[in-house]
Amino acid sequence: MSTEAQVTQWLEQFVHAAESRDTLDRLVGRTDARILEAVPQLATDATLVRELHASTRAHWRGFLVMLARDVFEVQVAPEAFDLARTLARRGFDLPVLLSIYRVGQRAVWTYITETLTTEIADADVRSAVLLRFWTRLSEWLDTAIESMILAFSAEREQWQRGSQARRVEIVHALLAGHPVDLDAAGTALSYPLHQPHTAYVLWVDDDVPDADVQRLLETAATTVATALGAPRPLSIGTGARALWCWVATQRGPGRPVITPGGHVHVAIGTGGAGLPGFRQSHREARAAQTIAMRRPDGPAVTHYDDVELACLAAGLAGADGMWTMVRRELGPLAGADAAAARLRETVRRYLANAGNADTAAELLGVHPNTVRYRIRQAEGLLGHPIDERRVYVELALAVIDTFGSPE
């Protein structure tokens, strides 16, 4: 068999194997792992990670379809453009998009050279396959990058000229902690920033047709706002298939029933007052979204307070989320004064020893009745029995023991 025939045969076998879901998932995962490591600003945003995966998968599929054919044509699937457009809407600069493709190209080339070294013993055949692969990969990426730059630039221009761009700019400034005139910002957004807020994030399934996405998101945004007791939400697009939303309302006791509709998912933060609440509730909603997107068979609605411990354990809530939990759970018991510190140490020893006052007293060097008295004092500050919400209380105590009081 000629070298050319062996090259074609190997490429056909490679394409056939790569068409399996497991192999394609591995190719996408390996490529995206390199990209997320090199462009870390993507890794902290669940929507961008999701669109990166979709874009990489679309490129792999399209490239593999053409790889072994006699006539090679670059045909980039529509879903590959979503990431470029989202980066433009988020205010990223073009070099970020170019970095993604440069790193992706290196990752693919590394994978192919490793694969060929392992699978093809004949040096001439290996070199011929490398040449064919590199020529076609370069042509694919050169053409794709040109198309992505055009899509990115068109989206950036449209958003910069539109009023939506101004809304997005204000919201991002609020979230980033930049100095903002709240009254002027509230007027521009038509949203009362001084009130208590509840944030939520909406996204739709990947298999929903593009033509239906906006309608589903807008309907769900209003449905959730109504359930939370608000006439309408503040919402901004944050991706091809996602929305960030806020409602200004004081959430009452209990939890309303929320039905976002088929193929739509929602992650909801806890309520918070003023600008700090606007930011914190949004951070919680995004953290809950990350957890929800890791559970494809999970519920359509994910509340942050249901997954808070997982978010804290995974580092998704950040330092602000950690201290919010500490202040909420401990209240005055989180104080920096000596009396609060003494009560915290007593509670920590008491809980660590299964509620045995005698053992805790021995470790603290006090009488058991003193331990019991301090526990009653602590319960008065907590507002509930010491064993209620025990996991959260112990975690909050451990945080202060490690990092000190937040006060």
Protein backbone atom coordinates (compact mmCIF):
# COMPACT_ATOMS: atom_id res chain seq x y z
CA MET A 1 0.00 0.00 0.00
CA SER A 2 1.36 3.40 -0.97
CA THR A 3 2.17 6.04 1.63
CA GLU A 4 -0.70 8.20 0.35
CA ALA A 5 -3.15 5.33 0.75
CA GLN A 6 -1.89 4.64 4.27
CA VAL A 7 -2.33 8.31 5.17
CA THR A 8 -5.91 8.30 3.95
CA GLN A 9 -6.64 5.03 5.74
CA TRP A 10 -5.24 6.28 9.05
CA LEU A 11 -7.14 9.53 8.84
CA GLU A 12 -10.39 7.70 8.09
CA GLN A 13 -9.84 5.43 11.10
CA PHE A 14 -9.01 8.43 13.29
CA VAL A 15 -12.16 10.26 12.21
CA HIS A 16 -14.32 7.17 12.76
CA ALA A 17 -12.95 6.68 16.29
CA ALA A 18 -13.30 10.38 17.14
CA GLU A 19 -16.95 10.41 16.16
CA SER A 20 -17.86 8.39 19.27
CA ARG A 21 -19.26 10.51 22.11
CA ASP A 22 -16.63 9.38 24.64
CA THR A 23 -13.74 10.18 22.34
CA LEU A 24 -15.20 13.53 21.28
CA ASP A 25 -15.80 14.44 24.93
CA ARG A 26 -12.17 13.61 25.67
CA LEU A 27 -10.91 15.73 22.77
CA VAL A 28 -13.07 18.68 23.83
CA GLY A 29 -12.14 18.27 27.49
CA ARG A 30 -8.42 18.13 26.78
CA THR A 31 -8.51 21.16 24.49
CA ASP A 32 -10.63 23.25 26.85
CA ALA A 33 -8.55 22.34 29.91
CA ARG A 34 -5.52 23.93 28.22
CA ILE A 35 -7.54 26.99 27.24
CA LEU A 36 -9.02 27.52 30.70
CA GLU A 37 -5.58 27.19 32.26
CA ALA A 38 -4.11 29.77 29.89
CA VAL A 39 -7.12 32.15 29.93
CA PRO A 40 -8.26 31.95 33.59
CA GLN A 41 -10.83 34.75 33.30
CA LEU A 42 -13.04 32.26 31.47
CA ALA A 43 -12.84 29.58 34.16
CA THR A 44 -14.74 31.54 36.82
CA ASP A 45 -17.81 32.12 34.64
CA ALA A 46 -20.13 29.15 34.11
CA THR A 47 -21.73 30.67 31.01
CA LEU A 48 -18.39 31.29 29.30
CA VAL A 49 -17.18 27.79 30.17
CA ARG A 50 -20.35 26.33 28.74
CA GLU A 51 -20.04 28.29 25.50
CA LEU A 52 -16.35 27.42 25.24
CA HIS A 53 -17.26 23.72 25.40
CA ALA A 54 -19.96 24.19 22.76
CA SER A 55 -17.62 26.13 20.48
CA THR A 56 -14.77 23.62 20.80
CA ARG A 57 -17.15 20.72 20.15
CA ALA A 58 -18.52 22.45 17.04
CA HIS A 59 -15.00 23.02 15.68
CA TRP A 60 -13.93 19.43 16.34
CA ARG A 61 -17.05 18.02 14.70
CA GLY A 62 -16.76 20.24 11.64
CA PHE A 63 -13.04 19.60 11.22
CA LEU A 64 -13.39 15.83 11.61
CA VAL A 65 -16.15 15.69 8.99
CA MET A 66 -13.79 17.25 6.42
CA LEU A 67 -10.46 15.83 7.56
CA ALA A 68 -10.31 12.64 5.47
CA ARG A 69 -12.14 13.95 2.40
CA ASP A 70 -10.40 14.60 -0.88
CA VAL A 71 -11.82 18.12 -1.07
CA PHE A 72 -11.31 20.03 2.18
CA GLU A 73 -13.73 22.90 2.93
CA VAL A 74 -14.02 24.97 6.07
CA GLN A 75 -17.64 25.02 7.25
CA VAL A 76 -17.91 26.47 10.76
CA ALA A 77 -21.14 25.57 12.60
CA PRO A 78 -23.29 28.48 13.93
CA GLU A 79 -22.83 27.48 17.60
CA ALA A 80 -19.09 28.07 17.28
CA PHE A 81 -19.76 31.83 17.03
CA ASP A 82 -21.63 32.17 20.35
CA LEU A 83 -18.44 32.41 22.43
CA ALA A 84 -17.02 35.21 20.27
CA ARG A 85 -20.25 37.18 20.51
CA THR A 86 -20.53 36.68 24.27
CA LEU A 87 -16.95 37.84 24.80
CA ALA A 88 -17.80 41.00 22.84
CA ARG A 89 -20.92 41.62 24.95
CA ARG A 90 -18.96 41.11 28.17
CA GLY A 91 -16.44 43.78 27.18
CA PHE A 92 -13.45 41.47 26.62
CA ASP A 93 -10.81 42.70 24.19
CA LEU A 94 -10.08 40.91 20.92
CA PRO A 95 -6.71 39.50 22.16
CA VAL A 96 -8.65 37.30 24.61
CA LEU A 97 -10.49 35.66 21.71
CA LEU A 98 -7.26 35.25 19.76
CA SER A 99 -5.54 33.70 22.79
CA ILE A 100 -8.29 31.11 23.04
CA TYR A 101 -7.67 29.99 19.47
CA ARG A 102 -3.88 30.07 19.73
CA VAL A 103 -3.92 27.92 22.87
CA GLY A 104 -6.51 25.61 21.33
CA GLN A 105 -4.35 25.15 18.26
CA ARG A 106 -1.32 24.22 20.37
CA ALA A 107 -3.42 21.79 22.42
CA VAL A 108 -4.71 20.03 19.30
CA TRP A 109 -1.26 19.85 17.75
CA THR A 110 0.25 18.40 20.94
CA TYR A 111 -2.48 15.77 21.08
CA ILE A 112 -2.01 14.76 17.44
CA THR A 113 1.78 14.48 17.64
CA GLU A 114 1.49 12.34 20.78
CA THR A 115 -1.12 10.15 19.12
CA LEU A 116 0.88 9.64 15.93
CA THR A 117 4.06 8.83 17.86
CA THR A 118 2.16 6.08 19.65
CA GLU A 119 0.10 4.68 16.78
CA ILE A 120 2.24 4.97 13.62
CA ALA A 121 5.58 3.18 13.64
CA ASP A 122 6.56 4.01 10.04
CA ALA A 123 8.36 7.37 10.08
CA ASP A 124 7.46 8.21 6.46
CA VAL A 125 3.76 7.55 7.01
CA ARG A 126 3.84 9.47 10.29
CA SER A 127 5.44 12.49 8.62
CA ALA A 128 2.92 12.38 5.78
CA VAL A 129 -0.01 12.24 8.20
CA LEU A 130 1.46 15.11 10.21
CA LEU A 131 1.82 17.21 7.08
CA ARG A 132 -1.75 16.49 5.93
CA PHE A 133 -3.14 17.13 9.39
CA TRP A 134 -1.18 20.33 9.95
CA THR A 135 -2.05 21.75 6.52
CA ARG A 136 -5.76 21.16 7.03
CA LEU A 137 -5.78 22.25 10.67
CA SER A 138 -4.03 25.51 9.76
CA GLU A 139 -6.49 26.18 6.95
CA TRP A 140 -9.44 25.46 9.26
CA LEU A 141 -8.23 27.71 12.06
CA ASP A 142 -7.11 30.56 9.79
CA THR A 143 -10.53 30.66 8.18
CA ALA A 144 -12.38 30.18 11.47
CA ILE A 145 -10.44 32.91 13.26
CA GLU A 146 -11.17 35.40 10.47
CA SER A 147 -14.88 34.57 10.80
CA MET A 148 -14.75 34.88 14.60
CA ILE A 149 -13.05 38.28 14.41
CA LEU A 150 -15.80 39.53 12.10
CA ALA A 151 -18.52 38.17 14.42
CA PHE A 152 -16.78 39.64 17.49
CA SER A 153 -16.35 43.06 15.88
CA ALA A 154 -19.92 43.22 14.60
CA GLU A 155 -21.30 42.28 18.01
CA ARG A 156 -19.07 44.76 19.81
CA GLU A 157 -20.10 47.57 17.47
CA GLN A 158 -23.79 46.78 17.84
CA TRP A 159 -23.63 46.69 21.62
CA GLN A 160 -21.52 49.79 21.92
CA ARG A 161 -24.03 51.73 19.86
CA GLY A 162 -27.12 50.44 21.63
CA SER A 163 -28.75 51.49 24.86
CA GLN A 164 -28.35 47.93 26.11
CA ALA A 165 -24.61 48.47 26.15
CA ARG A 166 -25.08 51.34 28.59
CA ARG A 167 -27.21 49.16 30.86
CA VAL A 168 -24.65 46.38 30.78
CA GLU A 169 -21.85 48.87 31.47
CA ILE A 170 -23.68 50.22 34.53
CA VAL A 171 -24.46 46.77 35.90
CA HIS A 172 -20.87 45.61 35.48
CA ALA A 173 -19.64 48.78 37.20
CA LEU A 174 -22.00 48.11 40.10
CA LEU A 175 -20.85 44.51 40.39
CA ALA A 176 -17.17 45.48 40.16
CA GLY A 177 -17.46 48.02 42.97
CA HIS A 178 -16.60 51.04 40.82
CA PRO A 179 -17.75 54.45 42.08
CA VAL A 180 -21.29 54.91 40.76
CA ASP A 181 -23.99 57.49 41.47
CA LEU A 182 -26.74 55.12 42.62
CA ASP A 183 -29.57 57.54 41.90
CA ALA A 184 -28.33 58.20 38.36
CA ALA A 185 -27.64 54.50 37.80
CA GLY A 186 -31.08 53.57 39.08
CA THR A 187 -32.68 56.06 36.70
CA ALA A 188 -30.69 54.77 33.74
CA LEU A 189 -31.61 51.18 34.58
CA SER A 190 -35.21 52.00 35.59
CA TYR A 191 -34.51 49.94 38.68
CA PRO A 192 -34.56 50.94 42.42
CA LEU A 193 -31.04 50.19 43.62
CA HIS A 194 -31.68 51.32 47.20
CA GLN A 195 -34.18 48.52 47.92
CA PRO A 196 -33.51 44.91 48.96
CA HIS A 197 -32.58 42.69 46.01
CA THR A 198 -32.78 39.06 44.96
CA ALA A 199 -30.67 37.99 42.00
CA TYR A 200 -31.16 35.03 39.73
CA VAL A 201 -29.52 33.56 36.63
CA LEU A 202 -31.44 31.93 33.79
CA TRP A 203 -30.14 29.63 31.06
CA VAL A 204 -31.63 27.26 28.51
CA ASP A 205 -30.71 23.76 27.37
CA ASP A 206 -28.26 23.35 24.52
CA ASP A 207 -30.79 21.58 22.31
CA VAL A 208 -33.25 24.51 22.28
CA PRO A 209 -33.36 26.06 18.76
CA ASP A 210 -31.70 29.48 18.59
CA ALA A 211 -34.94 31.06 17.38
CA ASP A 212 -36.69 30.10 20.65
CA VAL A 213 -33.99 31.07 23.13
CA GLN A 214 -34.79 34.75 23.67
CA ARG A 215 -38.51 34.15 24.01
CA LEU A 216 -38.00 31.40 26.61
CA LEU A 217 -35.55 33.50 28.62
CA GLU A 218 -37.72 36.61 28.66
CA THR A 219 -40.82 34.64 29.63
CA ALA A 220 -38.97 32.84 32.41
CA ALA A 221 -37.45 36.10 33.70
CA THR A 222 -40.93 37.57 34.18
CA THR A 223 -42.31 34.34 35.66
CA VAL A 224 -39.58 34.18 38.30
CA ALA A 225 -39.94 37.89 39.10
CA THR A 226 -43.68 37.46 39.65
CA ALA A 227 -43.13 34.47 41.91
CA LEU A 228 -40.67 36.52 43.97
CA GLY A 229 -43.21 39.33 44.32
CA ALA A 230 -41.89 41.84 41.79
CA PRO A 231 -43.69 43.23 38.71
CA ARG A 232 -40.66 42.90 36.45
CA PRO A 233 -36.93 42.21 36.70
CA LEU A 234 -33.80 44.08 35.75
CA SER A 235 -32.20 41.73 33.23
CA ILE A 236 -29.14 41.80 30.98
CA GLY A 237 -27.97 39.27 28.44
CA THR A 238 -24.81 37.50 29.52
CA GLY A 239 -24.42 34.96 26.76
CA ALA A 240 -26.18 33.51 23.79
CA ARG A 241 -28.43 31.45 26.08
CA ALA A 242 -28.37 33.12 29.48
CA LEU A 243 -29.67 36.12 31.44
CA TRP A 244 -28.64 37.80 34.69
CA CYS A 245 -31.66 39.14 36.55
CA TRP A 246 -32.50 41.09 39.73
CA VAL A 247 -35.77 41.95 41.41
CA ALA A 248 -36.16 44.67 44.02
CA THR A 249 -38.39 43.22 46.69
CA GLN A 250 -38.29 42.09 50.28
CA ARG A 251 -38.55 38.31 50.23
CA GLY A 252 -41.00 37.13 52.85
CA PRO A 253 -40.93 33.92 54.88
CA GLY A 254 -41.18 30.64 53.05
CA ARG A 255 -40.19 29.87 49.50
CA PRO A 256 -42.44 30.58 46.50
CA VAL A 257 -43.09 27.90 43.90
CA ILE A 258 -41.13 28.78 40.77
CA THR A 259 -41.74 27.12 37.41
CA PRO A 260 -39.40 28.66 34.82
CA GLY A 261 -40.81 26.52 32.00
CA GLY A 262 -39.48 23.62 30.00
CA HIS A 263 -35.82 23.68 28.96
CA VAL A 264 -35.13 26.71 31.21
CA HIS A 265 -33.10 26.57 34.43
CA VAL A 266 -32.80 29.14 37.20
CA ALA A 267 -30.32 29.65 40.04
CA ILE A 268 -31.42 32.05 42.78
CA GLY A 269 -29.35 33.92 45.36
CA THR A 270 -30.54 34.97 48.79
CA GLY A 271 -31.94 38.45 49.36
CA GLY A 272 -29.79 41.39 50.41
CA ALA A 273 -30.27 45.11 51.03
CA GLY A 274 -28.86 47.93 48.95
CA LEU A 275 -25.82 47.74 46.71
CA PRO A 276 -24.01 45.11 48.85
CA GLY A 277 -27.10 42.92 48.57
CA PHE A 278 -27.25 43.52 44.80
CA ARG A 279 -23.69 42.20 44.48
CA GLN A 280 -23.85 39.41 47.03
CA SER A 281 -27.10 37.93 45.77
CA HIS A 282 -25.68 37.90 42.24
CA ARG A 283 -22.50 36.15 43.37
CA GLU A 284 -24.65 33.56 45.12
CA ALA A 285 -26.83 33.02 42.07
CA ARG A 286 -23.79 32.45 39.85
CA ALA A 287 -22.27 30.07 42.38
CA ALA A 288 -25.54 28.13 42.51
CA GLN A 289 -25.59 28.09 38.70
CA THR A 290 -22.14 26.49 38.63
CA ILE A 291 -23.35 23.74 40.96
CA ALA A 292 -26.54 23.26 38.94
CA MET A 293 -24.67 22.96 35.65
CA ARG A 294 -22.56 20.18 37.13
CA ARG A 295 -25.76 18.23 37.81
CA PRO A 296 -27.45 17.87 34.40
CA ASP A 297 -30.22 15.73 35.91
CA GLY A 298 -30.83 18.11 38.82
CA PRO A 299 -33.89 20.28 39.45
CA ALA A 300 -34.84 23.17 37.18
CA VAL A 301 -34.59 25.59 40.12
CA THR A 302 -31.51 25.77 42.35
CA HIS A 303 -31.55 27.98 45.45
CA TYR A 304 -28.19 29.12 46.79
CA ASP A 305 -29.15 28.37 50.38
CA ASP A 306 -29.71 24.72 49.37
CA VAL A 307 -26.20 24.37 47.92
CA GLU A 308 -24.33 26.90 50.04
CA LEU A 309 -22.15 24.33 51.78
CA ALA A 310 -21.16 22.82 48.43
CA CYS A 311 -20.40 26.30 47.07
CA LEU A 312 -18.24 27.11 50.07
CA ALA A 313 -16.43 23.77 49.90
CA ALA A 314 -15.74 24.24 46.18
CA GLY A 315 -14.55 27.82 46.66
CA LEU A 316 -17.36 29.17 44.48
CA ALA A 317 -18.73 31.60 47.06
CA GLY A 318 -15.45 33.43 47.61
CA ALA A 319 -14.38 35.27 50.75
CA ASP A 320 -17.48 37.48 50.66
CA GLY A 321 -19.72 34.43 50.64
CA MET A 322 -17.82 32.90 53.53
CA TRP A 323 -18.11 36.01 55.71
CA THR A 324 -21.75 36.47 54.78
CA MET A 325 -22.41 32.98 56.08
CA VAL A 326 -20.45 33.67 59.28
CA ARG A 327 -22.32 36.90 60.06
CA ARG A 328 -25.69 35.35 59.25
CA GLU A 329 -25.17 32.23 61.35
CA LEU A 330 -23.42 33.74 64.37
CA GLY A 331 -24.81 37.26 64.54
CA PRO A 332 -23.45 39.02 67.66
CA LEU A 333 -21.52 35.85 68.52
CA ALA A 334 -19.11 36.79 65.69
CA GLY A 335 -18.01 39.93 67.57
CA ALA A 336 -14.36 40.78 68.11
CA ASP A 337 -14.70 41.42 71.87
CA ALA A 338 -13.32 39.05 74.51
CA ALA A 339 -16.77 38.01 75.75
CA ALA A 340 -17.86 36.85 72.29
CA ALA A 341 -14.54 35.04 71.78
CA ARG A 342 -14.99 33.23 75.12
CA LEU A 343 -18.50 32.14 74.20
CA ARG A 344 -17.37 30.95 70.76
CA GLU A 345 -14.59 28.84 72.24
CA THR A 346 -17.01 27.31 74.72
CA VAL A 347 -19.53 26.48 71.98
CA ARG A 348 -16.80 25.02 69.78
CA ARG A 349 -15.52 22.76 72.57
CA TYR A 350 -19.04 21.80 73.55
CA LEU A 351 -20.05 20.78 70.03
CA ALA A 352 -16.75 19.02 69.36
CA ASN A 353 -17.40 16.79 72.36
CA ALA A 354 -20.97 15.78 71.42
CA GLY A 355 -22.60 18.29 73.75
CA ASN A 356 -20.84 16.95 76.87
CA ALA A 357 -20.56 19.87 79.28
CA ASP A 358 -18.26 17.97 81.67
CA THR A 359 -15.69 17.20 78.97
CA ALA A 360 -15.84 20.72 77.59
CA ALA A 361 -15.42 22.15 81.08
CA GLU A 362 -12.35 20.01 81.72
CA LEU A 363 -10.75 21.19 78.46
CA LEU A 364 -11.59 24.82 79.21
CA GLY A 365 -10.57 24.63 82.87
CA VAL A 366 -13.96 25.80 84.19
CA HIS A 367 -16.91 24.30 86.09
CA PRO A 368 -19.52 22.36 84.00
CA ASN A 369 -22.20 24.78 85.16
CA THR A 370 -20.15 27.61 83.67
CA VAL A 371 -20.19 25.80 80.32
CA ARG A 372 -23.96 25.32 80.54
CA TYR A 373 -24.46 29.00 81.39
CA ARG A 374 -22.30 30.12 78.47
CA ILE A 375 -24.18 27.81 76.11
CA ARG A 376 -27.45 29.44 77.15
CA GLN A 377 -25.87 32.84 76.56
CA ALA A 378 -24.68 31.76 73.10
CA GLU A 379 -28.12 30.43 72.23
CA GLY A 380 -29.58 33.78 73.15
CA LEU A 381 -27.21 35.49 70.71
CA LEU A 382 -27.85 32.90 67.99
CA GLY A 383 -31.60 33.07 68.42
CA HIS A 384 -32.04 29.30 68.37
CA PRO A 385 -30.84 26.12 70.19
CA ILE A 386 -27.18 25.28 69.76
CA ASP A 387 -27.94 22.07 67.84
CA GLU A 388 -30.13 23.83 65.25
CA ARG A 389 -28.20 24.45 62.01
CA ARG A 390 -25.29 22.76 63.75
CA VAL A 391 -23.24 22.17 60.57
CA TYR A 392 -23.41 25.86 59.65
CA VAL A 393 -22.64 26.99 63.20
CA GLU A 394 -19.60 24.72 63.46
CA LEU A 395 -18.35 25.86 60.05
CA ALA A 396 -18.76 29.53 61.00
CA LEU A 397 -16.90 28.93 64.27
CA ALA A 398 -14.11 27.16 62.40
CA VAL A 399 -13.77 30.10 59.98
CA ILE A 400 -13.39 32.61 62.82
CA ASP A 401 -11.01 30.28 64.65
CA THR A 402 -8.86 30.17 61.50
CA PHE A 403 -9.17 33.71 60.12
CA GLY A 404 -10.29 35.77 63.10
CA SER A 405 -13.46 37.78 63.67
CA PRO A 406 -14.99 39.65 60.70
CA GLU A 407 -15.78 42.63 62.93
